[in-house]
Amino acid sequence: ARQGETLVQVVQQQQQQGKVLERLEARAVNRDTCKKNSRFCVQDAPLLPLVKQCSGHPARVSPTDEALQALAHEDVSVGTPLPPLAFLPAGGITVKKLLSLTRAQIDDLSWFYNEDFASGQNMGPRHDSLKLFFTGTG
């Protein structure tokens, strides 16, 4: 029985280490993408979407975009790229377009990434938070 408990502990530790590595890899990918996006801001080129780096989804929130609704009952793992959305196609969107997203669209991005983009605040801070997330710059 003792050996079984030890084996379970080892497996749990390995699973936790795997999750930490997933998050670190996702952050590294996003850091590189943010650097590219900060250059794209200056060029008025489309920003690249980031990968999911926080597991889960906010409780009691449902996305409005159909592509995200399809994921609502799935466990979307860390490192998953954002699927093409009605308001954010695979080719990305410019900063100007990003800063014109609606409250519902920002909430959808918040749901997928499990990140809080200044929820409960006016649209200015919400857009600023979103820009910071996608570019690493304010």
N, C-alpha and C. Protein backbone atom coordinates (compact mmCIF):
# COMPACT_ATOMS: atom_id res chain seq x y z
N ALA A 1 0.84 -1.19 0.00
CA ALA A 1 0.00 0.00 0.00
C ALA A 1 0.88 1.26 0.00
N ARG A 2 1.97 1.21 0.73
CA ARG A 2 2.89 2.35 0.84
C ARG A 2 3.51 2.67 -0.52
N GLN A 3 3.89 1.62 -1.26
CA GLN A 3 4.50 1.81 -2.57
C GLN A 3 3.50 2.47 -3.53
N GLY A 4 2.25 2.06 -3.44
CA GLY A 4 1.19 2.62 -4.29
C GLY A 4 1.00 4.10 -4.02
N GLU A 5 1.04 4.50 -2.75
CA GLU A 5 0.90 5.92 -2.38
C GLU A 5 2.06 6.73 -2.93
N THR A 6 3.27 6.19 -2.83
CA THR A 6 4.45 6.88 -3.33
C THR A 6 4.37 7.05 -4.84
N LEU A 7 3.93 6.02 -5.54
CA LEU A 7 3.79 6.08 -6.99
C LEU A 7 2.77 7.15 -7.38
N VAL A 8 1.66 7.22 -6.67
CA VAL A 8 0.65 8.23 -6.94
C VAL A 8 1.23 9.63 -6.74
N GLN A 9 2.02 9.82 -5.69
CA GLN A 9 2.64 11.12 -5.43
C GLN A 9 3.61 11.50 -6.55
N VAL A 10 4.39 10.55 -7.02
CA VAL A 10 5.35 10.80 -8.10
C VAL A 10 4.60 11.20 -9.37
N VAL A 11 3.52 10.49 -9.69
CA VAL A 11 2.73 10.80 -10.88
C VAL A 11 2.12 12.20 -10.76
N GLN A 12 1.61 12.54 -9.58
CA GLN A 12 1.02 13.87 -9.37
C GLN A 12 2.08 14.96 -9.53
N GLN A 13 3.28 14.74 -9.02
CA GLN A 13 4.36 15.72 -9.16
C GLN A 13 4.74 15.90 -10.63
N GLN A 14 4.78 14.79 -11.37
CA GLN A 14 5.12 14.88 -12.79
C GLN A 14 4.04 15.64 -13.56
N GLN A 15 2.78 15.42 -13.19
CA GLN A 15 1.68 16.14 -13.85
C GLN A 15 1.78 17.64 -13.57
N GLN A 16 2.08 18.00 -12.32
CA GLN A 16 2.23 19.41 -11.97
C GLN A 16 3.40 20.04 -12.71
N GLN A 17 4.51 19.33 -12.80
CA GLN A 17 5.68 19.83 -13.52
C GLN A 17 5.35 20.02 -15.00
N GLY A 18 4.58 19.08 -15.55
CA GLY A 18 4.16 19.19 -16.95
C GLY A 18 3.31 20.42 -17.19
N LYS A 19 2.41 20.72 -16.25
CA LYS A 19 1.57 21.91 -16.38
C LYS A 19 2.39 23.18 -16.28
N VAL A 20 3.38 23.18 -15.40
CA VAL A 20 4.26 24.35 -15.26
C VAL A 20 5.03 24.55 -16.56
N LEU A 21 5.54 23.47 -17.15
CA LEU A 21 6.27 23.57 -18.42
C LEU A 21 5.37 24.08 -19.54
N GLU A 22 4.12 23.61 -19.58
CA GLU A 22 3.17 24.09 -20.58
C GLU A 22 2.98 25.59 -20.47
N ARG A 23 2.79 26.08 -19.24
CA ARG A 23 2.60 27.51 -19.02
C ARG A 23 3.84 28.31 -19.42
N LEU A 24 5.03 27.79 -19.08
CA LEU A 24 6.28 28.48 -19.44
C LEU A 24 6.47 28.53 -20.95
N GLU A 25 6.16 27.43 -21.63
CA GLU A 25 6.27 27.40 -23.08
C GLU A 25 5.29 28.38 -23.72
N ALA A 26 4.06 28.42 -23.20
CA ALA A 26 3.05 29.34 -23.74
C ALA A 26 3.48 30.78 -23.52
N ARG A 27 4.04 31.08 -22.35
CA ARG A 27 4.51 32.45 -22.09
C ARG A 27 5.65 32.83 -23.02
N ALA A 28 6.55 31.88 -23.30
CA ALA A 28 7.67 32.16 -24.20
C ALA A 28 7.15 32.44 -25.62
N VAL A 29 6.21 31.63 -26.08
CA VAL A 29 5.62 31.85 -27.41
C VAL A 29 4.95 33.22 -27.45
N ASN A 30 4.17 33.54 -26.42
CA ASN A 30 3.46 34.82 -26.39
C ASN A 30 4.41 36.00 -26.29
N ARG A 31 5.50 35.84 -25.55
CA ARG A 31 6.48 36.92 -25.44
C ARG A 31 7.06 37.25 -26.82
N ASP A 32 7.40 36.21 -27.59
CA ASP A 32 7.92 36.42 -28.94
C ASP A 32 6.86 37.06 -29.84
N THR A 33 5.62 36.60 -29.73
CA THR A 33 4.53 37.14 -30.53
C THR A 33 4.27 38.60 -30.16
N CYS A 34 4.33 38.92 -28.87
CA CYS A 34 4.13 40.31 -28.43
C CYS A 34 5.21 41.23 -29.00
N LYS A 35 6.44 40.75 -29.08
CA LYS A 35 7.52 41.55 -29.67
C LYS A 35 7.21 41.85 -31.13
N LYS A 36 6.76 40.83 -31.86
CA LYS A 36 6.38 41.03 -33.26
C LYS A 36 5.21 42.00 -33.34
N ASN A 37 4.21 41.80 -32.47
CA ASN A 37 3.03 42.65 -32.50
C ASN A 37 3.36 44.11 -32.20
N SER A 38 4.32 44.35 -31.32
CA SER A 38 4.68 45.74 -31.01
C SER A 38 5.28 46.42 -32.25
N ARG A 39 5.99 45.66 -33.07
CA ARG A 39 6.50 46.20 -34.34
C ARG A 39 5.36 46.41 -35.33
N PHE A 40 4.42 45.46 -35.33
CA PHE A 40 3.28 45.55 -36.25
C PHE A 40 2.41 46.76 -35.95
N CYS A 41 2.36 47.18 -34.68
CA CYS A 41 1.60 48.37 -34.28
C CYS A 41 2.10 49.59 -35.06
N VAL A 42 3.41 49.74 -35.10
CA VAL A 42 4.03 50.88 -35.77
C VAL A 42 3.75 50.82 -37.27
N GLN A 43 3.73 49.63 -37.82
CA GLN A 43 3.53 49.45 -39.26
C GLN A 43 2.06 49.40 -39.65
N ASP A 44 1.17 49.46 -38.67
CA ASP A 44 -0.28 49.31 -38.88
C ASP A 44 -0.60 47.99 -39.58
N ALA A 45 0.18 46.96 -39.24
CA ALA A 45 -0.02 45.62 -39.78
C ALA A 45 -0.89 44.82 -38.80
N PRO A 46 -1.53 43.76 -39.28
CA PRO A 46 -2.37 42.95 -38.38
C PRO A 46 -1.55 42.31 -37.24
N LEU A 47 -2.12 42.35 -36.05
CA LEU A 47 -1.49 41.72 -34.89
C LEU A 47 -1.75 40.22 -34.94
N LEU A 48 -0.79 39.46 -34.48
CA LEU A 48 -0.93 38.00 -34.42
C LEU A 48 -1.64 37.62 -33.13
N PRO A 49 -2.55 36.63 -33.18
CA PRO A 49 -3.18 36.18 -31.94
C PRO A 49 -2.18 35.42 -31.07
N LEU A 50 -2.42 35.42 -29.79
CA LEU A 50 -1.56 34.72 -28.83
C LEU A 50 -2.13 33.34 -28.53
N VAL A 51 -1.34 32.51 -27.86
CA VAL A 51 -1.82 31.20 -27.41
C VAL A 51 -2.34 31.35 -25.98
N LYS A 52 -3.18 30.43 -25.59
CA LYS A 52 -3.75 30.43 -24.24
C LYS A 52 -2.64 30.09 -23.24
N GLN A 53 -2.48 30.91 -22.19
CA GLN A 53 -1.45 30.61 -21.20
C GLN A 53 -2.02 30.42 -19.80
N CYS A 54 -3.31 30.60 -19.63
CA CYS A 54 -3.97 30.33 -18.33
C CYS A 54 -5.04 29.28 -18.57
N SER A 55 -5.01 28.21 -17.81
CA SER A 55 -5.98 27.14 -18.01
C SER A 55 -7.37 27.56 -17.55
N GLY A 56 -8.36 26.88 -18.06
CA GLY A 56 -9.74 27.10 -17.65
C GLY A 56 -10.39 28.29 -18.32
N HIS A 57 -11.62 28.54 -17.90
CA HIS A 57 -12.42 29.67 -18.38
C HIS A 57 -13.11 30.29 -17.18
N PRO A 58 -13.43 31.59 -17.24
CA PRO A 58 -14.13 32.22 -16.12
C PRO A 58 -15.48 31.55 -15.87
N ALA A 59 -15.80 31.38 -14.62
CA ALA A 59 -17.08 30.77 -14.25
C ALA A 59 -18.24 31.71 -14.59
N ARG A 60 -19.36 31.14 -14.90
CA ARG A 60 -20.61 31.87 -15.14
C ARG A 60 -20.51 32.85 -16.32
N VAL A 61 -19.63 32.59 -17.24
CA VAL A 61 -19.49 33.44 -18.42
C VAL A 61 -19.60 32.54 -19.64
N SER A 62 -20.37 32.99 -20.63
CA SER A 62 -20.50 32.23 -21.87
C SER A 62 -20.08 33.12 -23.03
N PRO A 63 -19.27 32.58 -23.94
CA PRO A 63 -18.84 33.39 -25.09
C PRO A 63 -19.99 33.61 -26.07
N THR A 64 -19.91 34.69 -26.85
CA THR A 64 -20.94 34.97 -27.85
C THR A 64 -20.51 34.55 -29.25
N ASP A 65 -19.20 34.50 -29.51
CA ASP A 65 -18.72 34.10 -30.83
C ASP A 65 -18.92 32.60 -31.03
N GLU A 66 -19.40 32.22 -32.22
CA GLU A 66 -19.72 30.81 -32.49
C GLU A 66 -18.52 29.89 -32.35
N ALA A 67 -17.34 30.35 -32.79
CA ALA A 67 -16.14 29.50 -32.69
C ALA A 67 -15.81 29.21 -31.23
N LEU A 68 -16.04 30.18 -30.36
CA LEU A 68 -15.77 29.96 -28.94
C LEU A 68 -16.88 29.15 -28.28
N GLN A 69 -18.10 29.35 -28.72
CA GLN A 69 -19.21 28.56 -28.18
C GLN A 69 -18.96 27.07 -28.41
N ALA A 70 -18.32 26.74 -29.53
CA ALA A 70 -18.00 25.34 -29.83
C ALA A 70 -17.00 24.77 -28.82
N LEU A 71 -16.23 25.64 -28.18
CA LEU A 71 -15.22 25.20 -27.20
C LEU A 71 -15.74 25.24 -25.76
N ALA A 72 -16.95 25.75 -25.57
CA ALA A 72 -17.46 26.03 -24.22
C ALA A 72 -17.50 24.81 -23.31
N HIS A 73 -17.66 23.63 -23.89
CA HIS A 73 -17.76 22.42 -23.06
C HIS A 73 -16.52 21.54 -23.18
N GLU A 74 -15.44 22.12 -23.70
CA GLU A 74 -14.19 21.39 -23.83
C GLU A 74 -13.15 21.95 -22.86
N ASP A 75 -12.18 21.12 -22.54
CA ASP A 75 -11.05 21.58 -21.73
C ASP A 75 -10.00 22.09 -22.70
N VAL A 76 -9.95 23.40 -22.88
CA VAL A 76 -9.00 24.01 -23.81
C VAL A 76 -7.67 24.15 -23.09
N SER A 77 -6.68 23.43 -23.57
CA SER A 77 -5.41 23.36 -22.84
C SER A 77 -4.53 24.59 -23.08
N VAL A 78 -3.62 24.80 -22.15
CA VAL A 78 -2.62 25.85 -22.26
C VAL A 78 -1.81 25.59 -23.52
N GLY A 79 -1.51 26.65 -24.26
CA GLY A 79 -0.76 26.52 -25.51
C GLY A 79 -1.65 26.47 -26.73
N THR A 80 -2.97 26.39 -26.53
CA THR A 80 -3.90 26.34 -27.66
C THR A 80 -3.98 27.73 -28.31
N PRO A 81 -3.83 27.79 -29.64
CA PRO A 81 -3.97 29.09 -30.30
C PRO A 81 -5.44 29.52 -30.35
N LEU A 82 -5.66 30.81 -30.37
CA LEU A 82 -7.01 31.36 -30.50
C LEU A 82 -7.56 30.94 -31.87
N PRO A 83 -8.76 30.36 -31.89
CA PRO A 83 -9.33 29.99 -33.20
C PRO A 83 -9.76 31.26 -33.94
N PRO A 84 -9.88 31.19 -35.26
CA PRO A 84 -10.38 32.35 -36.00
C PRO A 84 -11.79 32.70 -35.49
N LEU A 85 -11.99 33.98 -35.21
CA LEU A 85 -13.28 34.44 -34.70
C LEU A 85 -13.92 35.36 -35.73
N ALA A 86 -15.21 35.59 -35.60
CA ALA A 86 -15.91 36.48 -36.52
C ALA A 86 -15.26 37.87 -36.52
N PHE A 87 -14.81 38.33 -35.36
CA PHE A 87 -14.23 39.67 -35.26
C PHE A 87 -12.70 39.68 -35.22
N LEU A 88 -12.09 38.50 -35.19
CA LEU A 88 -10.63 38.41 -35.17
C LEU A 88 -10.23 37.21 -36.04
N PRO A 89 -10.08 37.45 -37.35
CA PRO A 89 -9.76 36.34 -38.25
C PRO A 89 -8.34 35.80 -38.04
N ALA A 90 -8.05 34.68 -38.66
CA ALA A 90 -6.75 34.02 -38.50
C ALA A 90 -5.60 34.95 -38.86
N GLY A 91 -5.81 35.87 -39.79
CA GLY A 91 -4.77 36.79 -40.20
C GLY A 91 -4.53 37.92 -39.23
N GLY A 92 -5.33 37.99 -38.15
CA GLY A 92 -5.17 39.03 -37.14
C GLY A 92 -5.92 40.31 -37.49
N ILE A 93 -5.83 41.29 -36.60
CA ILE A 93 -6.45 42.59 -36.82
C ILE A 93 -5.45 43.68 -36.43
N THR A 94 -5.64 44.86 -36.97
CA THR A 94 -4.75 45.97 -36.66
C THR A 94 -5.05 46.50 -35.26
N VAL A 95 -4.14 47.28 -34.73
CA VAL A 95 -4.35 47.89 -33.41
C VAL A 95 -5.59 48.77 -33.45
N LYS A 96 -5.76 49.51 -34.55
CA LYS A 96 -6.93 50.39 -34.67
C LYS A 96 -8.21 49.58 -34.51
N LYS A 97 -8.28 48.42 -35.16
CA LYS A 97 -9.46 47.56 -35.06
C LYS A 97 -9.56 46.96 -33.64
N LEU A 98 -8.42 46.56 -33.08
CA LEU A 98 -8.39 46.01 -31.72
C LEU A 98 -8.98 47.01 -30.73
N LEU A 99 -8.63 48.28 -30.92
CA LEU A 99 -9.08 49.33 -30.01
C LEU A 99 -10.53 49.76 -30.27
N SER A 100 -11.17 49.11 -31.24
CA SER A 100 -12.58 49.40 -31.48
C SER A 100 -13.47 48.20 -31.15
N LEU A 101 -12.89 47.15 -30.58
CA LEU A 101 -13.70 45.98 -30.22
C LEU A 101 -14.75 46.37 -29.19
N THR A 102 -15.88 45.68 -29.26
CA THR A 102 -16.99 45.95 -28.35
C THR A 102 -16.76 45.25 -27.01
N ARG A 103 -17.57 45.59 -26.05
CA ARG A 103 -17.52 44.96 -24.73
C ARG A 103 -17.68 43.43 -24.86
N ALA A 104 -18.65 42.99 -25.66
CA ALA A 104 -18.91 41.54 -25.83
C ALA A 104 -17.71 40.85 -26.48
N GLN A 105 -17.08 41.50 -27.44
CA GLN A 105 -15.91 40.91 -28.11
C GLN A 105 -14.73 40.81 -27.14
N ILE A 106 -14.53 41.83 -26.32
CA ILE A 106 -13.46 41.77 -25.32
C ILE A 106 -13.76 40.69 -24.30
N ASP A 107 -15.03 40.58 -23.92
CA ASP A 107 -15.42 39.52 -22.99
C ASP A 107 -15.15 38.13 -23.58
N ASP A 108 -15.36 37.98 -24.89
CA ASP A 108 -15.07 36.70 -25.54
C ASP A 108 -13.57 36.38 -25.46
N LEU A 109 -12.73 37.38 -25.72
CA LEU A 109 -11.28 37.16 -25.62
C LEU A 109 -10.89 36.85 -24.18
N SER A 110 -11.51 37.55 -23.26
CA SER A 110 -11.27 37.29 -21.84
C SER A 110 -11.65 35.86 -21.49
N TRP A 111 -12.75 35.39 -22.02
CA TRP A 111 -13.21 34.02 -21.76
C TRP A 111 -12.19 33.02 -22.29
N PHE A 112 -11.76 33.18 -23.55
CA PHE A 112 -10.83 32.20 -24.13
C PHE A 112 -9.51 32.20 -23.39
N TYR A 113 -8.91 33.38 -23.20
CA TYR A 113 -7.59 33.45 -22.60
C TYR A 113 -7.62 33.29 -21.08
N ASN A 114 -8.81 33.40 -20.48
CA ASN A 114 -8.97 33.40 -19.03
C ASN A 114 -8.11 34.50 -18.41
N GLU A 115 -8.21 35.66 -19.02
CA GLU A 115 -7.50 36.87 -18.59
C GLU A 115 -8.53 37.95 -18.36
N ASP A 116 -8.29 38.81 -17.39
CA ASP A 116 -9.21 39.90 -17.09
C ASP A 116 -8.74 41.15 -17.80
N PHE A 117 -9.49 41.59 -18.80
CA PHE A 117 -9.15 42.81 -19.53
C PHE A 117 -9.96 43.97 -18.95
N ALA A 118 -9.60 44.35 -17.72
CA ALA A 118 -10.21 45.49 -17.02
C ALA A 118 -11.73 45.40 -17.01
N SER A 119 -12.25 44.21 -16.71
CA SER A 119 -13.70 44.03 -16.69
C SER A 119 -14.33 44.98 -15.67
N GLY A 120 -15.54 45.44 -15.98
CA GLY A 120 -16.25 46.35 -15.09
C GLY A 120 -15.85 47.80 -15.27
N GLN A 121 -14.85 48.06 -16.10
CA GLN A 121 -14.41 49.44 -16.32
C GLN A 121 -14.94 49.95 -17.66
N ASN A 122 -14.74 51.24 -17.90
CA ASN A 122 -15.12 51.84 -19.17
C ASN A 122 -14.29 51.22 -20.30
N MET A 123 -14.67 51.50 -21.52
CA MET A 123 -14.02 50.88 -22.67
C MET A 123 -12.57 51.31 -22.83
N GLY A 124 -12.21 52.53 -22.48
CA GLY A 124 -10.82 52.99 -22.61
C GLY A 124 -9.84 52.07 -21.90
N PRO A 125 -10.02 51.86 -20.58
CA PRO A 125 -9.12 50.95 -19.87
C PRO A 125 -9.18 49.51 -20.39
N ARG A 126 -10.34 49.10 -20.86
CA ARG A 126 -10.46 47.73 -21.39
C ARG A 126 -9.62 47.60 -22.67
N HIS A 127 -9.71 48.60 -23.54
CA HIS A 127 -8.91 48.57 -24.77
C HIS A 127 -7.42 48.66 -24.45
N ASP A 128 -7.06 49.49 -23.48
CA ASP A 128 -5.65 49.60 -23.08
C ASP A 128 -5.12 48.27 -22.57
N SER A 129 -5.93 47.58 -21.77
CA SER A 129 -5.54 46.29 -21.21
C SER A 129 -5.36 45.26 -22.33
N LEU A 130 -6.24 45.29 -23.29
CA LEU A 130 -6.17 44.38 -24.43
C LEU A 130 -4.92 44.65 -25.26
N LYS A 131 -4.63 45.93 -25.52
CA LYS A 131 -3.43 46.28 -26.28
C LYS A 131 -2.18 45.82 -25.54
N LEU A 132 -2.14 46.04 -24.25
CA LEU A 132 -1.00 45.60 -23.44
C LEU A 132 -0.83 44.09 -23.54
N PHE A 133 -1.92 43.36 -23.49
CA PHE A 133 -1.88 41.90 -23.57
C PHE A 133 -1.30 41.45 -24.92
N PHE A 134 -1.75 42.05 -26.02
CA PHE A 134 -1.34 41.60 -27.35
C PHE A 134 0.02 42.14 -27.80
N THR A 135 0.48 43.24 -27.20
CA THR A 135 1.73 43.84 -27.67
C THR A 135 2.81 43.94 -26.61
N GLY A 136 2.42 43.83 -25.34
CA GLY A 136 3.39 44.01 -24.27
C GLY A 136 3.69 45.47 -24.01
N THR A 137 3.00 46.36 -24.74
CA THR A 137 3.19 47.81 -24.55
C THR A 137 1.85 48.48 -24.39
N GLY A 138 1.83 49.59 -23.68
CA GLY A 138 0.59 50.34 -23.45
C GLY A 138 0.24 51.25 -24.58
